[in-house]
Protein backbone atom coordinates (compact mmCIF):
# COMPACT_ATOMS: atom_id res chain seq x y z
CA MET A 1 74.72 155.44 -76.03
CA ARG A 2 72.33 152.48 -76.26
CA PRO A 3 71.33 152.59 -72.51
CA ILE A 4 70.54 156.31 -72.84
CA LEU A 5 68.41 155.70 -75.94
CA THR A 6 66.62 152.83 -74.21
CA ALA A 7 65.89 155.00 -71.16
CA CYS A 8 64.77 158.02 -73.22
CA LEU A 9 62.71 156.22 -75.87
CA PRO A 10 59.56 155.80 -73.71
CA MET A 11 59.65 159.51 -72.78
CA LEU A 12 60.02 160.50 -76.43
CA LEU A 13 57.11 158.28 -77.41
CA LEU A 14 54.94 159.77 -74.66
CA ALA A 15 55.93 163.28 -75.66
CA ALA A 16 55.04 162.49 -79.28
CA CYS A 17 51.59 161.45 -78.06
CA ASN A 18 51.36 164.64 -75.99
CA GLN A 19 51.21 162.56 -72.78
CA PRO A 20 53.23 163.67 -69.77
CA ALA A 21 55.55 161.11 -68.27
CA GLU A 22 55.71 160.32 -64.57
CA GLN A 23 59.05 159.46 -63.03
CA SER A 24 59.47 156.83 -60.36
CA VAL A 25 62.58 155.38 -58.86
CA GLY A 26 62.99 151.61 -59.06
CA ALA A 27 64.81 149.34 -56.63
CA GLU A 28 68.15 150.01 -58.28
CA GLY A 29 67.59 153.78 -58.28
CA ALA A 30 67.28 154.04 -62.06
CA GLY A 31 64.59 156.34 -63.41
CA GLN A 32 61.62 154.47 -64.76
CA THR A 33 58.83 155.94 -66.83
CA SER A 34 55.18 155.05 -66.54
CA ALA A 35 52.21 156.54 -68.31
CA PRO A 36 49.76 158.42 -66.09
CA ALA A 37 46.40 156.84 -65.42
CA THR A 38 44.01 157.66 -68.25
CA ALA A 39 40.82 159.56 -67.52
CA ASN A 40 38.13 157.27 -66.21
CA ALA A 41 34.94 157.23 -68.28
CA ASP A 42 33.12 157.85 -64.98
CA ASP A 43 35.05 161.10 -64.36
CA TRP A 44 32.26 163.53 -65.14
CA ALA A 45 34.36 166.41 -63.78
CA ALA A 46 36.25 166.22 -67.10
CA LEU A 47 33.14 167.72 -68.73
CA ASN A 48 34.11 171.07 -67.20
CA GLN A 49 36.99 171.23 -69.69
CA MET A 50 34.46 171.06 -72.54
CA VAL A 51 32.62 174.24 -71.55
CA GLY A 52 32.78 176.64 -74.49
CA GLN A 53 33.26 173.85 -77.03
CA TYR A 54 30.67 172.62 -79.50
CA PRO A 55 29.53 168.99 -79.00
CA ALA A 56 31.04 167.84 -82.32
CA GLU A 57 34.34 169.52 -81.43
CA SER A 58 34.54 168.00 -77.94
CA GLY A 59 33.02 164.61 -78.73
CA LEU A 60 30.36 165.28 -76.08
CA PHE A 61 27.83 162.84 -77.55
CA ASP A 62 30.32 160.19 -78.65
CA HIS A 63 33.53 160.17 -76.59
CA SER A 64 32.92 162.03 -73.34
CA PRO A 65 32.18 160.65 -69.87
CA ILE A 66 28.45 161.02 -70.61
CA ALA A 67 28.53 159.26 -74.00
CA ALA A 68 27.64 155.78 -72.70
CA PRO A 69 25.01 156.95 -70.18
CA LEU A 70 23.51 159.22 -72.85
CA ALA A 71 23.30 156.34 -75.34
CA ALA A 72 21.73 154.11 -72.67
CA LEU A 73 19.22 156.81 -71.74
CA LEU A 74 18.17 157.65 -75.30
CA GLY A 75 18.57 154.33 -77.12
CA ASP A 76 17.63 154.84 -80.77
CA LYS A 77 16.66 158.45 -79.98
CA LEU A 78 20.39 159.29 -79.81
CA ALA A 79 20.25 159.58 -83.61
CA VAL A 80 17.43 162.14 -83.24
CA LEU A 81 19.56 164.12 -80.78
CA LYS A 82 22.45 164.18 -83.23
CA THR A 83 20.17 165.19 -86.11
CA ASN A 84 18.61 167.91 -83.97
CA SER A 85 22.06 169.26 -83.15
CA ALA A 86 22.87 170.47 -86.66
CA THR A 87 22.69 174.03 -85.30
CA VAL A 88 23.96 173.87 -81.74
CA ALA A 89 25.29 176.07 -78.96
CA PRO A 90 28.57 175.28 -77.25
CA LEU A 91 28.44 173.59 -73.85
CA GLN A 92 27.65 176.23 -71.23
CA ARG A 93 27.54 176.44 -67.45
CA ALA A 94 24.87 177.82 -65.11
CA GLY A 95 26.01 177.23 -61.55
CA ASN A 96 26.79 173.50 -61.28
CA ILE A 97 24.74 172.59 -64.35
CA LEU A 98 26.22 172.15 -67.82
CA TYR A 99 23.93 172.53 -70.81
CA THR A 100 23.61 172.93 -74.54
CA SER A 101 20.75 173.17 -76.99
CA GLY A 102 20.13 173.27 -80.69
CA ASN A 103 17.88 172.40 -83.54
CA LYS A 104 17.72 170.44 -86.76
CA ALA A 105 18.85 172.46 -89.79
CA HIS A 106 15.95 174.57 -91.08
CA ALA A 107 13.57 173.07 -88.49
CA GLY A 108 14.08 175.17 -85.36
CA GLY A 109 10.39 175.47 -84.60
CA SER A 110 9.69 171.75 -84.69
CA ASP A 111 12.84 169.63 -84.23
CA ALA A 112 15.15 170.71 -81.43
CA PHE A 113 16.81 169.53 -78.23
CA TYR A 114 18.28 170.56 -74.92
CA LEU A 115 20.78 168.66 -72.81
CA LEU A 116 21.30 169.24 -69.10
CA VAL A 117 24.13 167.61 -67.15
CA ASP A 118 24.74 167.66 -63.41
CA PRO A 119 28.32 166.31 -63.24
CA SER A 120 28.42 166.09 -59.44
CA ALA A 121 25.28 163.91 -59.29
CA HIS A 122 25.96 162.04 -62.57
CA LYS A 123 22.52 163.04 -63.87
CA ILE A 124 21.41 163.81 -67.42
CA GLU A 125 18.20 165.27 -68.82
CA VAL A 126 17.44 165.52 -72.52
CA GLY A 127 14.47 167.23 -74.09
CA LEU A 128 13.83 166.19 -77.70
CA TRP A 129 11.30 167.86 -79.95
CA GLU A 130 10.21 165.80 -82.94
CA ALA A 131 7.67 167.45 -85.25
CA GLY A 132 6.94 169.95 -82.45
CA ARG A 133 6.29 167.30 -79.79
CA LEU A 134 8.52 167.30 -76.69
CA SER A 135 9.74 164.07 -75.07
CA VAL A 136 11.91 164.31 -71.95
CA TYR A 137 14.45 161.64 -70.99
CA LYS A 138 15.94 161.79 -67.47
CA SER A 139 18.40 159.87 -65.37
CA PRO A 140 16.70 158.26 -62.38
CA GLY A 141 16.55 160.49 -59.33
CA ALA A 142 16.15 164.19 -58.70
CA ASN A 143 15.24 166.66 -61.41
CA ILE A 144 17.91 168.98 -62.80
CA THR A 145 17.11 172.67 -62.48
CA LYS A 146 16.81 174.18 -65.94
CA PRO A 147 18.97 177.25 -66.60
CA THR A 148 17.11 180.38 -67.72
CA ASP A 149 18.12 179.86 -71.37
CA ILE A 150 16.59 176.38 -71.38
CA GLN A 151 13.44 177.55 -69.57
CA THR A 152 13.03 180.20 -72.27
CA MET A 153 13.58 177.64 -75.02
CA VAL A 154 10.96 175.28 -73.56
CA SER A 155 8.50 178.16 -73.23
CA ASN A 156 9.15 179.40 -76.78
CA MET A 157 8.81 175.92 -78.25
CA ALA A 158 5.49 175.45 -76.37
CA ASN A 159 4.22 178.69 -77.92
CA VAL A 160 5.22 177.52 -81.40
CA ALA A 161 3.35 174.23 -80.88
CA ASP A 162 0.14 176.05 -79.86
């Protein structure tokens, strides 16, 4: 009984953690269990699984593949992004571009944001409005095409500032 328990215990622990086990055969032919490779922080394709989820729900700003690059891009303005996401749309897709937008609670005309992500090129663009003034933060390289919803938002916010 003890050898069976010893062989099954790792699988039970992985199942309890909701992690699939991978089987491999060792030199003696006995089944061995190894945990699958964890998702690489550089695996931006994993963002596709977050489409339809709100940033707080998915950990988009804090625990996703873009969390570290986003923090590096924004620096102390990451706190502004989080504040301006009190009212936020779920992550959406337009072609190859992922995006979301939102605004600070009760301050939609002056404090807002948009986030664009091109997972295939590992590019990010963030537009932050503070007191009605837009600042844009971009990854080095090519511009990301703004989806229609974001173009409309930028246009509407410009009209409010005028």
